[in-house]
Amino acid sequence: MTAMFDQELREQLAQARQDLAAARAAGDADGVQAYEGRVASLLRLAAQHGIDLPHSPDEEEHNE
């Protein structure tokens, strides 16, 4: 996989985590659910392409 794809995934994951934290802080339950799904989706995509991204097990459990 290209380094550019790897970097883009990492940037998108970092942004999704920031958005998730903001949604949690704002008490936005719908936003939390959406961003948990986004994080899980990005982690699945990375795994499908052999990219190992550090994450907690609970980040894998959410679906979009």
Protein backbone atom coordinates (compact mmCIF):
# COMPACT_ATOMS: atom_id res chain seq x y z
CA MET A 1 0.00 0.00 0.00
CA THR A 2 1.24 3.45 -0.69
CA ALA A 3 2.57 5.70 2.00
CA MET A 4 0.05 8.34 0.93
CA PHE A 5 -2.90 5.99 1.58
CA ASP A 6 -1.44 5.03 4.97
CA GLN A 7 -1.00 8.68 5.95
CA GLU A 8 -4.51 9.62 4.78
CA LEU A 9 -6.02 6.83 6.88
CA ARG A 10 -4.06 7.96 9.91
CA GLU A 11 -5.19 11.57 9.44
CA GLN A 12 -8.82 10.57 8.99
CA LEU A 13 -8.68 8.37 12.10
CA ALA A 14 -7.16 11.18 14.15
CA GLN A 15 -9.88 13.57 12.95
CA ALA A 16 -12.65 11.05 13.68
CA ARG A 17 -11.27 10.56 17.20
CA GLN A 18 -11.22 14.33 17.76
CA ASP A 19 -14.77 14.64 16.48
CA LEU A 20 -15.83 11.75 18.74
CA ALA A 21 -14.29 13.43 21.77
CA ALA A 22 -16.05 16.70 20.91
CA ALA A 23 -19.39 14.93 20.50
CA ARG A 24 -18.93 13.23 23.87
CA ALA A 25 -18.03 16.53 25.52
CA ALA A 26 -21.12 18.18 24.01
CA GLY A 27 -23.39 15.34 25.10
CA ASP A 28 -24.31 14.68 21.46
CA ALA A 29 -25.43 11.03 21.57
CA ASP A 30 -26.10 10.88 17.82
CA GLY A 31 -22.70 12.35 17.05
CA VAL A 32 -21.02 9.89 19.41
CA GLN A 33 -22.71 6.98 17.67
CA ALA A 34 -21.78 8.31 14.23
CA TYR A 35 -18.13 8.94 15.10
CA GLU A 36 -17.75 5.60 16.88
CA GLY A 37 -18.90 4.01 13.63
CA ARG A 38 -16.50 6.14 11.62
CA VAL A 39 -13.55 5.12 13.81
CA ALA A 40 -14.50 1.42 13.56
CA SER A 41 -14.91 1.71 9.79
CA LEU A 42 -11.50 3.31 9.33
CA LEU A 43 -9.89 0.63 11.49
CA ARG A 44 -11.52 -2.11 9.39
CA LEU A 45 -10.35 -0.44 6.19
CA ALA A 46 -6.82 -0.21 7.53
CA ALA A 47 -6.84 -3.88 8.57
CA GLN A 48 -8.10 -4.92 5.13
CA HIS A 49 -5.07 -3.21 3.62
CA GLY A 50 -2.55 -4.52 6.13
CA ILE A 51 -2.08 -1.21 7.92
CA ASP A 52 -1.63 -1.61 11.66
CA LEU A 53 -3.11 1.36 13.51
CA PRO A 54 -2.93 1.57 17.30
CA HIS A 55 -6.38 1.34 18.83
CA SER A 56 -8.33 0.01 21.75
CA PRO A 57 -10.46 -3.13 21.40
CA ASP A 58 -13.68 -1.17 22.03
CA GLU A 59 -12.98 1.00 18.97
CA GLU A 60 -13.47 -2.07 16.77
CA GLU A 61 -16.88 -2.95 18.19
CA HIS A 62 -18.96 -0.10 16.82
CA ASN A 63 -20.77 -0.21 13.52
CA GLU A 64 -21.81 2.64 11.23
